[in-house]
Protein backbone atom coordinates (compact mmCIF):
# COMPACT_ATOMS: atom_id res chain seq x y z
CA MET A 1 139.58 66.27 116.84
CA GLY A 2 137.47 68.68 118.10
CA ILE A 3 134.49 70.13 116.11
CA ALA A 4 132.88 72.74 118.48
CA PRO A 5 132.87 73.43 122.25
CA GLY A 6 131.13 70.68 124.10
CA HIS A 7 131.28 68.39 121.12
CA GLU A 8 134.97 67.44 121.40
CA GLY A 9 135.84 64.07 120.04
CA LEU A 10 133.21 64.09 117.20
CA GLY A 11 134.60 62.40 114.13
CA ARG A 12 134.39 63.38 110.40
CA SER A 13 131.02 61.86 109.90
CA ALA A 14 129.69 63.95 112.77
CA ALA A 15 131.29 67.14 111.44
CA VAL A 16 129.66 66.73 108.10
CA ALA A 17 126.25 65.91 110.00
CA LEU A 18 126.45 69.10 111.96
CA LEU A 19 127.38 71.38 109.29
CA SER A 20 125.46 70.12 106.16
CA PRO A 21 122.37 72.01 106.86
CA LEU A 22 124.54 75.03 106.30
CA LEU A 23 124.92 73.98 102.66
CA ILE A 24 121.88 75.86 101.57
CA PHE A 25 123.65 78.99 102.33
CA PRO A 26 126.66 80.49 100.22
CA LYS A 27 130.24 79.93 101.65
CA ARG A 28 130.62 83.61 102.10
CA VAL A 29 127.67 83.69 104.31
CA VAL A 30 128.38 80.31 106.40
CA LEU A 31 132.42 80.54 106.87
CA PRO A 32 132.35 83.92 108.72
CA LEU A 33 129.81 82.61 110.95
CA LEU A 34 131.95 79.89 111.99
CA ASP A 35 134.14 81.47 114.40
CA SER A 36 137.60 80.23 115.79
CA ARG A 37 135.94 77.80 118.17
CA TRP A 38 135.03 75.54 115.42
CA SER A 39 137.97 73.41 114.13
CA CYS A 40 139.44 73.80 110.67
CA GLN A 41 138.95 69.85 110.58
CA GLY A 42 135.20 70.08 110.92
CA VAL A 43 134.92 72.63 107.88
CA SER A 44 137.58 70.59 106.06
CA ALA A 45 135.70 67.38 106.49
CA LEU A 46 132.44 69.13 105.39
CA GLN A 47 134.34 70.27 102.07
CA HIS A 48 135.68 66.98 101.37
CA ALA A 49 132.47 65.29 101.88
CA GLN A 50 130.51 67.76 99.74
CA GLN A 51 132.85 68.16 96.91
CA PRO A 52 132.01 70.21 94.69
CA TRP A 53 130.37 72.65 96.80
CA ARG A 54 126.63 73.23 95.86
CA TRP A 55 125.96 76.21 97.86
CA LYS A 56 122.48 77.57 97.15
CA VAL A 57 122.02 81.45 97.44
CA ALA A 58 119.95 82.33 100.55
CA ALA A 59 120.07 85.60 102.02
CA HIS A 60 118.67 85.80 105.54
CA ASP A 61 120.65 88.61 106.75
CA ARG A 62 118.17 91.30 108.04
CA THR A 63 120.21 94.20 106.95
CA GLN A 64 120.08 92.82 103.41
CA ILE A 65 116.26 92.43 103.68
CA TYR A 66 115.88 95.93 105.16
CA LEU A 67 117.96 97.56 102.35
CA ALA A 68 116.02 95.67 99.82
CA HIS A 69 112.50 96.99 101.29
CA ARG A 70 114.01 100.50 101.52
CA GLU A 71 115.14 100.46 97.84
CA THR A 72 111.93 99.09 96.67
CA TYR A 73 110.01 101.81 98.66
CA ALA A 74 112.27 104.80 97.41
CA ARG A 75 112.06 103.51 93.82
CA PHE A 76 108.00 103.27 94.03
CA LEU A 77 107.96 106.81 95.44
CA THR A 78 110.37 108.19 92.79
CA ALA A 79 108.01 106.57 90.12
CA THR A 80 104.69 107.77 91.43
CA ASP A 81 106.27 111.34 91.57
CA ALA A 82 107.36 111.08 88.12
CA GLU A 83 103.96 109.56 86.90
CA ALA A 84 102.01 112.34 88.79
CA ARG A 85 104.10 114.97 87.23
CA CYS A 86 103.30 113.90 83.77
CA ASP A 87 99.65 115.00 84.65
CA TRP A 88 100.87 118.41 86.25
CA HIS A 89 102.62 119.05 82.75
CA ARG A 90 99.57 117.82 80.88
CA TRP A 91 97.32 120.10 82.59
CA ARG A 92 99.75 123.19 82.12
CA GLY A 93 99.95 122.31 78.42
CA ASP A 94 103.55 121.49 78.44
CA TYR A 95 102.98 118.75 75.84
CA ALA A 96 102.86 119.87 72.11
CA GLU A 97 100.54 116.97 71.27
CA LYS A 98 98.11 114.34 73.28
CA ARG A 99 100.34 111.62 71.56
CA GLU A 100 103.44 113.01 73.51
CA ALA A 101 101.29 113.32 76.74
CA VAL A 102 100.17 109.88 76.35
CA ALA A 103 103.65 108.38 75.61
CA ALA A 104 104.98 110.12 78.90
CA ILE A 105 102.25 108.85 80.79
CA ASP A 106 102.68 105.18 79.57
CA ALA A 107 106.33 105.15 80.11
CA ALA A 108 105.74 106.43 83.93
CA TYR A 109 102.60 104.16 84.20
CA THR A 110 105.04 101.18 83.40
CA THR A 111 107.71 102.32 85.81
CA THR A 112 105.28 102.86 88.60
CA GLN A 113 103.54 99.49 87.99
CA SER A 114 106.68 97.70 88.06
CA ALA A 115 107.70 99.11 91.35
CA PHE A 116 104.18 98.65 92.61
CA ASN A 117 104.20 94.90 91.92
CA LEU A 118 106.98 94.39 93.97
CA ILE A 119 105.18 95.92 96.99
CA ASP A 120 101.94 94.23 96.07
CA LEU A 121 103.36 90.75 95.77
CA GLU A 122 104.73 90.51 99.12
CA GLY A 123 101.40 92.18 100.45
CA ILE A 124 103.00 93.14 103.67
CA GLY A 125 104.36 96.59 104.86
CA PRO A 126 102.85 99.66 103.07
CA SER A 127 100.84 97.48 100.33
CA LYS A 128 97.43 99.16 100.89
CA GLU A 129 98.87 102.54 101.36
CA ALA A 130 100.87 101.94 97.76
CA GLU A 131 97.54 100.64 96.30
CA GLN A 132 95.76 104.05 97.34
CA LEU A 133 98.71 106.24 96.05
CA VAL A 134 98.48 104.42 92.68
CA ALA A 135 94.72 104.75 92.59
CA CYS A 136 94.98 108.52 93.04
CA ILE A 137 97.51 108.68 90.22
CA ARG A 138 95.21 106.67 87.74
CA PHE A 139 92.40 108.82 88.70
CA MET A 140 94.43 111.71 87.74
CA HIS A 141 94.98 110.36 84.32
CA GLU A 142 91.29 110.30 83.66
CA GLN A 143 90.88 114.09 84.32
CA ASP A 144 91.08 116.38 81.39
CA GLU A 145 91.78 119.25 83.60
CA GLU A 146 93.36 119.63 86.92
CA PRO A 147 90.70 118.63 89.67
CA GLU A 148 90.57 121.00 92.72
CA GLY A 149 92.54 119.95 95.75
CA ILE A 150 94.12 116.80 93.82
CA TRP A 151 97.63 117.88 94.85
CA GLU A 152 96.80 117.80 98.52
CA THR A 153 94.95 114.45 98.27
CA PHE A 154 98.21 113.10 96.38
CA LYS A 155 100.38 114.47 98.96
CA GLY A 156 98.19 113.12 101.67
CA TYR A 157 98.27 109.56 100.14
CA ARG A 158 102.04 109.81 99.38
CA ALA A 159 102.79 110.79 103.21
CA GLN A 160 100.41 107.78 104.34
CA PHE A 161 102.74 105.74 102.21
CA VAL A 162 105.91 107.02 103.68
CA GLU A 163 104.56 106.75 107.15
CA ALA A 164 103.58 103.17 106.56
CA ALA A 165 107.02 102.37 104.76
CA ARG A 166 108.80 103.93 107.81
CA GLU A 167 106.89 101.88 110.19
CA HIS A 168 107.55 98.66 108.05
CA LEU A 169 111.48 99.35 107.83
CA GLY A 170 111.50 100.10 111.62
CA GLY A 171 110.41 96.52 111.95
CA HIS A 172 113.68 95.05 110.57
């Protein structure tokens, strides 16, 4: 019974020993990795030895990590843009009452903070730049009138975040 090239003659217990560490991964991840050189007997031995399957979800696929980071960064940018627009509308007088402005800012704040928390918890990539962008927006909330140059400042922090995010994504 052949298990893998160079391991001909290994028995059922050897197949289980070789393949058991792979049990932490879902079958849909592991089985495609076992190319045609691995015998069906080896996989079959593992299946019978480990009934029922106790696969744990563990994604180590760099593509999935890249896409998750990209989605997190895009969601954060969308949230910060929306939160900053609340101040723009407030300064233009687009809200009929202060209560309406506060409600819009609170909702946007919650969305931004949720997206920021994912970046902050990880502590890698553009976390410092994300923190600066959030601080700029929170400063905007404290101002009753639009501070001169605030949009250039906001756009500068946003651009720094985008550059740092692109750099981090490029490392995937």
